Amino acid sequence: MPYQPLPPDVLRAGFPTLFALRDKSGCLLVPKGTLVDSEQLQQLSTRDLYVDDQDGEALRRAIAGKVHELVRNDELLGRIAQARPDASDLLVPSAAGRRRLDDAPTDWSNLQVRLAALLRDAAQPEFAARLMQLQKTLFDQINSDPDDALLLLVHAATQEYRDYSASHALLVAVVAELASRHVAGITPAQRQSLRCAALTMNVAMTALQNQLAQQSSPLSAAQRAEIDSHPARAVAALRAAGVGDAVWLAAVQHHHDAPPGPLAGMEPALRVARLIRRADVFAARLSPRRGRQALSATAAAKAAYLDEHQKPDEAGSAIIKAVGLYPPGSLVRLADGETAVVLRRGRRANSPTVACIVNPAGAVLASPALRYTHTPAHAVTGGVAPHEVKVRLNLQRLLQMT
């Protein structure tokens, strides 16, 4: 099993160890949960300590969650730089708190059902207030575990096209939100507007969008006209529902025509709209229709990264930084010929944590097996389109592996 160096200042006198501590060869030095006193801490601080890869990833996520919390609270830079998690952070790696694993699929499924009900009629009572509450729930669930969110939503997007409008909007909102965290200058208020705009960008054509996902024939003239006019009609519907957020409304208006270019030079609404536009492209490429098959994550990433002129796009680059070249929930081929499903993003865009589901001979494994893609034998060589692998995944088991 691969091991990662442990930062020495993670250990604290008078507290139990968060992980099993090992030497470089993997030999156990201190079992997990051992109470460390001051003398032992001084001795350990003189050694190079290691933890296994899974614990190292948990530590990385916990530190990131602690930093995010301190930034949100406007703490001093010095304290942010020294951010280190404690045991409670590892159990609750974000402000929202990590949910029980068996709740994650239900939570995201329930959110999709709620969104589908909202998008059917923007004129229903309390539409704006209910949408705001829904985006707040979405934000909390993303922060609870972004990798779980991506695994569940990407997998769902690649498998079916029923209730497409709501499932697509959820995935776009999650991808755009995560990408916005890699763009300088976007404020928390603008990120809230981004989430709301991503969820409601197609509110004026929800029924048509669901119909088109199951339609194999070409667009009719009436359908094309409805598609072309839907941004303006969505804005009108949102205004009628009481939405007054200018960035939200402008982002919906321009979610199909926000131009490429440096994001820093754009006004806030266009910057938000551009992120949504590229996330929209990314999510659409991952999703099948009755008339076309879903593409691999590699193809979807390329579509998001290259702009309308086939040049690198800054918003697309933010998406790749956020979700990786191979997002959780997508399928990949490994150097040894195995096929695997991505479980978590890695430290590099091309080195996620994966679980092997099909061996090189094409046989389905009885139980998924963890693989570490930074090793040559298990390096990712490319994405695999969903229709190429006929395996029914046990999402609950996959979540438990992460």
Protein backbone atom coordinates (compact mmCIF):
# COMPACT_ATOMS: atom_id res chain seq x y z
CA MET A 1 0.00 0.00 0.00
CA PRO A 2 1.38 3.48 -0.87
CA TYR A 3 2.16 5.92 1.93
CA GLN A 4 2.25 9.71 2.25
CA PRO A 5 4.43 11.90 4.50
CA LEU A 6 2.63 13.23 7.57
CA PRO A 7 3.18 16.91 8.49
CA PRO A 8 4.71 16.76 12.01
CA ASP A 9 2.66 19.67 13.34
CA VAL A 10 -0.56 17.67 12.91
CA LEU A 11 0.31 15.74 16.09
CA ARG A 12 -0.65 17.31 19.43
CA ALA A 13 0.41 16.47 22.96
CA GLY A 14 -2.44 15.16 25.09
CA PHE A 15 -4.51 14.09 22.09
CA PRO A 16 -4.87 10.65 20.48
CA THR A 17 -3.27 10.11 17.09
CA LEU A 18 -5.72 10.58 14.22
CA PHE A 19 -4.05 7.90 12.07
CA ALA A 20 -1.77 4.91 12.37
CA LEU A 21 1.78 6.33 12.09
CA ARG A 22 4.36 4.43 10.03
CA ASP A 23 7.91 4.73 8.82
CA LYS A 24 8.82 5.09 5.15
CA SER A 25 8.68 1.33 4.58
CA GLY A 26 5.19 1.10 6.09
CA CYS A 27 6.24 -0.43 9.39
CA LEU A 28 3.74 0.51 12.13
CA LEU A 29 5.23 2.88 14.73
CA VAL A 30 2.17 4.15 16.60
CA PRO A 31 -1.34 2.66 16.36
CA LYS A 32 -4.28 4.93 15.60
CA GLY A 33 -5.86 6.43 18.72
CA THR A 34 -2.71 6.33 20.85
CA LEU A 35 -2.56 9.16 23.40
CA VAL A 36 0.67 11.10 22.80
CA ASP A 37 2.32 12.98 25.67
CA SER A 38 4.85 15.82 25.33
CA GLU A 39 7.92 13.57 25.53
CA GLN A 40 6.60 11.17 22.89
CA LEU A 41 5.65 14.09 20.67
CA GLN A 42 9.19 15.44 20.85
CA GLN A 43 10.60 12.04 19.89
CA LEU A 44 8.16 11.63 17.00
CA SER A 45 8.90 15.12 15.68
CA THR A 46 12.47 14.05 14.94
CA ARG A 47 11.33 11.23 12.64
CA ASP A 48 9.88 11.11 9.15
CA LEU A 49 6.35 9.85 9.68
CA TYR A 50 3.97 8.40 7.09
CA VAL A 51 0.30 7.46 6.81
CA ASP A 52 -1.41 5.31 4.21
CA ASP A 53 -2.86 6.99 1.12
CA GLN A 54 -6.47 6.83 2.27
CA ASP A 55 -5.66 8.53 5.59
CA GLY A 56 -3.50 11.07 3.74
CA GLU A 57 -6.42 12.00 1.49
CA ALA A 58 -8.70 12.33 4.53
CA LEU A 59 -6.14 14.66 6.12
CA ARG A 60 -5.89 16.74 2.93
CA ARG A 61 -9.67 17.15 2.76
CA ALA A 62 -9.86 18.04 6.46
CA ILE A 63 -7.16 20.71 6.12
CA ALA A 64 -8.94 22.12 3.06
CA GLY A 65 -12.19 22.23 5.01
CA LYS A 66 -10.51 23.99 7.93
CA VAL A 67 -8.95 26.57 5.61
CA HIS A 68 -12.30 27.16 3.89
CA GLU A 69 -13.96 27.70 7.27
CA LEU A 70 -11.30 30.19 8.39
CA VAL A 71 -11.47 32.11 5.11
CA ARG A 72 -15.24 32.36 5.41
CA ASN A 73 -14.81 33.75 8.92
CA ASP A 74 -12.28 36.36 7.72
CA GLU A 75 -9.50 35.06 9.95
CA LEU A 76 -5.98 36.48 9.74
CA LEU A 77 -3.75 35.07 7.00
CA GLY A 78 -1.26 33.78 9.55
CA ARG A 79 -3.88 31.65 11.24
CA ILE A 80 -5.18 30.37 7.91
CA ALA A 81 -1.64 29.34 6.88
CA GLN A 82 -1.30 27.34 10.11
CA ALA A 83 -4.67 25.60 9.76
CA ARG A 84 -4.60 22.02 10.99
CA PRO A 85 -7.55 19.69 11.61
CA ASP A 86 -8.48 17.86 14.78
CA ALA A 87 -10.45 14.67 15.23
CA SER A 88 -13.79 16.45 14.89
CA ASP A 89 -12.70 17.92 11.55
CA LEU A 90 -11.94 14.44 10.26
CA LEU A 91 -15.38 13.31 11.26
CA VAL A 92 -16.91 16.56 9.97
CA PRO A 93 -14.61 17.79 7.19
CA SER A 94 -16.54 20.95 6.39
CA ALA A 95 -18.76 23.55 8.00
CA ALA A 96 -21.85 21.66 6.89
CA GLY A 97 -20.66 18.40 8.39
CA ARG A 98 -20.23 15.05 6.70
CA ARG A 99 -23.46 13.11 6.41
CA ARG A 100 -23.75 9.42 7.06
CA LEU A 101 -22.73 7.57 3.91
CA ASP A 102 -26.08 5.84 3.61
CA ASP A 103 -27.79 9.27 3.54
CA ALA A 104 -25.85 10.70 0.59
CA PRO A 105 -27.73 8.97 -2.27
CA THR A 106 -31.08 9.72 -0.62
CA ASP A 107 -30.18 13.37 0.02
CA TRP A 108 -29.20 14.02 -3.60
CA SER A 109 -32.19 12.06 -4.93
CA ASN A 110 -34.54 14.07 -2.72
CA LEU A 111 -32.96 17.31 -3.88
CA GLN A 112 -33.52 16.33 -7.51
CA VAL A 113 -37.18 15.52 -6.81
CA ARG A 114 -37.65 18.89 -5.10
CA LEU A 115 -35.95 20.73 -7.96
CA ALA A 116 -38.01 18.92 -10.60
CA ALA A 117 -41.20 19.95 -8.81
CA LEU A 118 -40.06 23.58 -8.67
CA LEU A 119 -38.94 23.79 -12.28
CA ARG A 120 -42.30 22.58 -13.60
CA ASP A 121 -43.92 25.92 -12.74
CA ALA A 122 -42.12 29.13 -11.82
CA ALA A 123 -45.51 30.72 -11.09
CA GLN A 124 -46.21 28.44 -8.12
CA PRO A 125 -46.46 30.12 -4.69
CA GLU A 126 -43.17 30.90 -2.90
CA PHE A 127 -41.11 29.81 -5.91
CA ALA A 128 -38.21 32.19 -5.21
CA ALA A 129 -38.08 31.43 -1.48
CA ARG A 130 -38.20 27.68 -2.08
CA LEU A 131 -35.47 27.93 -4.73
CA MET A 132 -33.26 29.88 -2.35
CA GLN A 133 -33.72 27.24 0.33
CA LEU A 134 -32.96 24.51 -2.19
CA GLN A 135 -29.71 26.14 -3.30
CA LYS A 136 -28.71 26.50 0.36
CA THR A 137 -29.29 22.77 0.87
CA LEU A 138 -27.30 22.06 -2.29
CA PHE A 139 -24.44 24.22 -1.02
CA ASP A 140 -24.38 22.40 2.32
CA GLN A 141 -24.42 19.00 0.62
CA ILE A 142 -21.55 19.98 -1.68
CA ASN A 143 -19.49 21.12 1.28
CA SER A 144 -20.29 17.96 3.20
CA ASP A 145 -18.31 16.00 0.61
CA PRO A 146 -17.74 17.31 -2.94
CA ASP A 147 -16.42 13.95 -4.15
CA ASP A 148 -19.54 12.12 -2.98
CA ALA A 149 -21.66 14.76 -4.72
CA LEU A 150 -19.78 14.37 -7.99
CA LEU A 151 -19.74 10.56 -7.80
CA LEU A 152 -23.50 10.36 -7.38
CA LEU A 153 -24.47 13.11 -9.84
CA VAL A 154 -21.98 12.20 -12.58
CA HIS A 155 -22.92 8.53 -12.36
CA ALA A 156 -26.63 9.41 -12.51
CA ALA A 157 -26.03 11.71 -15.50
CA THR A 158 -24.24 8.98 -17.45
CA GLN A 159 -26.88 6.32 -16.86
CA GLU A 160 -30.30 7.67 -17.75
CA TYR A 161 -32.22 10.52 -19.31
CA ARG A 162 -35.46 10.44 -17.34
CA ASP A 163 -36.24 13.75 -15.59
CA TYR A 164 -33.23 15.11 -17.43
CA SER A 165 -33.87 18.81 -16.82
CA ALA A 166 -33.57 18.62 -13.03
CA SER A 167 -30.66 16.15 -12.94
CA HIS A 168 -28.75 18.23 -15.49
CA ALA A 169 -29.37 21.47 -13.57
CA LEU A 170 -28.10 19.90 -10.34
CA LEU A 171 -24.90 18.67 -11.97
CA VAL A 172 -24.26 22.02 -13.68
CA ALA A 173 -24.82 23.87 -10.40
CA VAL A 174 -22.37 21.61 -8.53
CA VAL A 175 -19.68 21.78 -11.23
CA ALA A 176 -20.03 25.56 -11.63
CA GLU A 177 -19.92 26.09 -7.86
CA LEU A 178 -16.75 24.03 -7.49
CA ALA A 179 -15.18 25.77 -10.49
CA SER A 180 -15.97 29.21 -9.07
CA ARG A 181 -13.70 28.40 -6.13
CA HIS A 182 -10.79 28.46 -8.58
CA VAL A 183 -11.64 31.90 -9.98
CA ALA A 184 -10.31 35.02 -8.27
CA GLY A 185 -12.71 37.84 -7.54
CA ILE A 186 -15.97 35.92 -7.24
CA THR A 187 -17.67 36.89 -3.99
CA PRO A 188 -19.85 34.58 -1.86
CA ALA A 189 -22.92 36.56 -2.95
CA GLN A 190 -22.02 36.08 -6.61
CA ARG A 191 -21.48 32.36 -6.05
CA GLN A 192 -24.98 32.17 -4.57
CA SER A 193 -26.30 33.91 -7.69
CA LEU A 194 -24.36 31.40 -9.78
CA ARG A 195 -25.98 28.43 -8.03
CA CYS A 196 -29.45 29.93 -8.42
CA ALA A 197 -28.88 30.74 -12.09
CA ALA A 198 -27.55 27.25 -12.85
CA LEU A 199 -30.59 25.67 -11.22
CA THR A 200 -33.11 27.88 -13.06
CA MET A 201 -31.45 28.57 -16.44
CA ASN A 202 -33.90 26.26 -18.23
CA VAL A 203 -37.00 26.96 -16.15
CA ALA A 204 -38.86 28.17 -19.25
CA MET A 205 -38.25 24.93 -21.18
CA THR A 206 -38.24 22.21 -18.53
CA ALA A 207 -40.91 20.08 -20.22
CA LEU A 208 -39.27 20.46 -23.63
CA GLN A 209 -35.83 19.61 -22.23
CA ASN A 210 -37.20 16.40 -20.71
CA GLN A 211 -38.93 15.58 -24.01
CA LEU A 212 -35.81 16.20 -26.10
CA ALA A 213 -33.74 13.85 -23.95
CA GLN A 214 -36.02 11.03 -25.12
CA GLN A 215 -36.44 12.25 -28.70
CA SER A 216 -34.36 10.74 -31.48
CA SER A 217 -35.85 12.76 -34.35
CA PRO A 218 -34.47 16.20 -35.39
CA LEU A 219 -35.78 19.38 -33.78
CA SER A 220 -38.95 20.82 -35.22
CA ALA A 221 -39.17 24.51 -36.13
CA ALA A 222 -41.38 25.13 -33.08
CA GLN A 223 -38.94 23.36 -30.78
CA ARG A 224 -36.02 25.36 -32.17
CA ALA A 225 -37.93 28.61 -31.59
CA GLU A 226 -38.72 27.59 -28.01
CA ILE A 227 -35.05 26.78 -27.36
CA ASP A 228 -33.86 30.06 -28.86
CA SER A 229 -36.25 32.13 -26.76
CA HIS A 230 -35.96 30.29 -23.47
CA PRO A 231 -33.32 32.53 -21.78
CA ALA A 232 -35.46 35.65 -22.16
CA ARG A 233 -38.61 33.77 -21.15
CA ALA A 234 -36.81 32.33 -18.11
CA VAL A 235 -35.79 35.82 -16.97
CA ALA A 236 -39.38 37.04 -17.36
CA ALA A 237 -40.68 34.08 -15.36
CA LEU A 238 -38.11 34.64 -12.60
CA ARG A 239 -38.95 38.35 -12.39
CA ALA A 240 -42.64 37.47 -12.14
CA ALA A 241 -41.77 35.07 -9.32
CA GLY A 242 -40.15 37.90 -7.37
CA VAL A 243 -36.48 37.38 -8.20
CA GLY A 244 -34.62 40.70 -8.11
CA ASP A 245 -31.00 39.50 -8.03
CA ALA A 246 -29.41 41.25 -11.03
CA VAL A 247 -26.50 38.80 -11.33
CA TRP A 248 -28.81 35.79 -11.17
CA LEU A 249 -31.11 37.20 -13.84
CA ALA A 250 -28.30 38.35 -16.17
CA ALA A 251 -26.53 34.99 -15.84
CA VAL A 252 -29.72 33.19 -16.91
CA GLN A 253 -30.12 35.63 -19.80
CA HIS A 254 -26.58 34.98 -21.05
CA HIS A 255 -25.97 31.34 -20.10
CA HIS A 256 -25.81 30.41 -23.80
CA ASP A 257 -24.00 33.45 -25.19
CA ALA A 258 -21.51 34.55 -22.52
CA PRO A 259 -18.31 35.10 -24.56
CA PRO A 260 -14.88 33.51 -24.00
CA GLY A 261 -11.96 35.49 -22.68
CA PRO A 262 -10.19 36.41 -19.43
CA LEU A 263 -12.66 36.15 -16.56
CA ALA A 264 -11.06 38.98 -14.60
CA GLY A 265 -12.05 41.45 -17.32
CA MET A 266 -15.72 40.48 -17.31
CA GLU A 267 -18.49 42.07 -15.30
CA PRO A 268 -19.69 39.73 -12.52
CA ALA A 269 -22.84 38.53 -14.28
CA LEU A 270 -21.00 37.56 -17.46
CA ARG A 271 -18.26 35.84 -15.46
CA VAL A 272 -20.92 33.77 -13.69
CA ALA A 273 -22.71 33.10 -16.98
CA ARG A 274 -19.48 31.95 -18.61
CA LEU A 275 -18.81 29.43 -15.84
CA ILE A 276 -22.36 28.11 -16.18
CA ARG A 277 -22.02 27.89 -19.96
CA ARG A 278 -18.88 25.74 -19.79
CA ALA A 279 -20.30 23.60 -16.96
CA ASP A 280 -23.43 23.15 -19.10
CA VAL A 281 -21.29 21.85 -21.99
CA PHE A 282 -19.35 19.55 -19.67
CA ALA A 283 -22.46 18.03 -18.09
CA ALA A 284 -24.25 17.65 -21.43
CA ARG A 285 -21.38 15.65 -22.91
CA LEU A 286 -21.54 13.21 -20.00
CA SER A 287 -25.25 12.58 -20.45
CA PRO A 288 -26.91 10.20 -22.94
CA ARG A 289 -29.99 10.99 -25.00
CA ARG A 290 -32.22 8.57 -26.80
CA GLY A 291 -30.60 9.74 -30.02
CA ARG A 292 -26.98 9.76 -28.86
CA GLN A 293 -24.66 8.05 -26.41
CA ALA A 294 -22.84 9.73 -23.56
CA LEU A 295 -19.18 10.59 -24.09
CA SER A 296 -16.25 9.66 -21.88
CA ALA A 297 -15.03 12.03 -19.17
CA THR A 298 -11.99 12.76 -21.34
CA ALA A 299 -14.17 13.98 -24.19
CA ALA A 300 -16.37 15.99 -21.83
CA ALA A 301 -13.32 17.63 -20.24
CA LYS A 302 -11.95 18.55 -23.67
CA ALA A 303 -15.30 20.03 -24.69
CA ALA A 304 -15.34 22.20 -21.56
CA TYR A 305 -11.68 23.22 -21.80
CA LEU A 306 -11.69 24.35 -25.44
CA ASP A 307 -13.80 27.40 -26.28
CA GLU A 308 -15.90 28.11 -29.36
CA HIS A 309 -12.70 28.76 -31.34
CA GLN A 310 -10.98 25.57 -30.08
CA LYS A 311 -8.67 27.59 -27.85
CA PRO A 312 -8.06 27.04 -24.11
CA ASP A 313 -10.88 28.61 -22.12
CA GLU A 314 -10.29 30.10 -18.66
CA ALA A 315 -13.70 29.07 -17.36
CA GLY A 316 -13.18 25.58 -18.78
CA SER A 317 -9.79 25.43 -17.10
CA ALA A 318 -11.43 26.26 -13.76
CA ILE A 319 -13.80 23.34 -14.28
CA ILE A 320 -10.92 20.93 -14.92
CA LYS A 321 -9.11 22.20 -11.82
CA ALA A 322 -12.27 21.68 -9.80
CA VAL A 323 -13.40 18.23 -10.93
CA GLY A 324 -10.26 16.80 -12.54
CA LEU A 325 -9.86 15.25 -15.96
CA TYR A 326 -11.70 12.22 -14.62
CA PRO A 327 -14.41 13.32 -12.18
CA PRO A 328 -15.81 10.96 -9.54
CA GLY A 329 -18.53 8.80 -11.04
CA SER A 330 -16.86 8.52 -14.45
CA LEU A 331 -15.19 5.42 -15.91
CA VAL A 332 -11.50 5.12 -16.83
CA ARG A 333 -9.07 2.65 -18.35
CA LEU A 334 -5.89 1.81 -16.43
CA ALA A 335 -2.44 1.01 -17.80
CA ASP A 336 -2.78 -2.68 -16.93
CA GLY A 337 -6.00 -2.97 -18.94
CA GLU A 338 -8.43 -2.79 -16.03
CA THR A 339 -11.58 -0.66 -16.15
CA ALA A 340 -12.33 1.38 -13.05
CA VAL A 341 -14.82 3.88 -11.66
CA VAL A 342 -13.44 7.11 -10.20
CA LEU A 343 -14.17 7.55 -6.49
CA ARG A 344 -12.31 10.72 -5.52
CA ARG A 345 -10.33 13.48 -7.14
CA GLY A 346 -6.56 13.24 -6.72
CA ARG A 347 -3.86 15.76 -5.92
CA ARG A 348 -3.34 15.99 -9.69
CA ALA A 349 -6.08 16.21 -12.29
CA ASN A 350 -4.98 12.92 -13.89
CA SER A 351 -4.46 10.82 -10.74
CA PRO A 352 -7.81 10.15 -9.06
CA THR A 353 -8.57 7.40 -6.58
CA VAL A 354 -10.43 4.65 -8.42
CA ALA A 355 -12.01 1.25 -7.86
CA CYS A 356 -11.40 -1.49 -10.41
CA ILE A 357 -14.67 -3.07 -11.60
CA VAL A 358 -13.56 -5.04 -14.70
CA ASN A 359 -10.28 -6.97 -15.04
CA PRO A 360 -8.06 -6.89 -18.16
CA ALA A 361 -9.79 -9.99 -19.53
CA GLY A 362 -13.16 -8.23 -19.40
CA ALA A 363 -14.54 -10.13 -16.41
CA VAL A 364 -16.56 -8.17 -13.83
CA LEU A 365 -15.05 -8.26 -10.34
CA ALA A 366 -17.27 -9.60 -7.57
CA SER A 367 -16.14 -6.71 -5.36
CA PRO A 368 -14.58 -3.41 -6.54
CA ALA A 369 -10.89 -3.10 -5.66
CA LEU A 370 -9.12 0.16 -4.80
CA ARG A 371 -6.36 1.26 -7.16
CA TYR A 372 -3.85 4.10 -6.70
CA THR A 373 -3.36 5.76 -10.05
CA HIS A 374 -0.08 7.51 -9.25
CA THR A 375 1.60 4.10 -9.62
CA PRO A 376 2.67 3.19 -13.20
CA ALA A 377 0.73 -0.08 -13.34
CA HIS A 378 -2.54 1.60 -12.44
CA ALA A 379 -2.05 4.95 -14.17
CA VAL A 380 -5.12 6.25 -15.97
CA THR A 381 -4.69 6.03 -19.74
CA GLY A 382 -8.04 7.52 -20.73
CA GLY A 383 -11.74 7.79 -20.14
CA VAL A 384 -14.29 5.12 -20.98
CA ALA A 385 -17.76 5.94 -22.31
CA PRO A 386 -20.55 4.56 -20.09
CA HIS A 387 -22.09 2.39 -22.82
CA GLU A 388 -18.81 0.48 -23.16
CA VAL A 389 -19.15 -1.07 -19.69
CA LYS A 390 -22.22 -3.11 -18.79
CA VAL A 391 -21.80 -3.17 -15.01
CA ARG A 392 -24.43 -2.19 -12.47
CA LEU A 393 -22.55 -0.30 -9.77
CA ASN A 394 -23.34 -0.59 -6.08
CA LEU A 395 -23.06 3.10 -5.17
CA GLN A 396 -23.38 2.42 -1.46
CA ARG A 397 -20.37 0.09 -1.55
CA LEU A 398 -18.37 2.62 -3.58
CA LEU A 399 -19.14 5.40 -1.09
CA GLN A 400 -18.01 3.19 1.76
CA MET A 401 -14.67 2.65 -0.01
CA THR A 402 -13.89 6.38 0.01
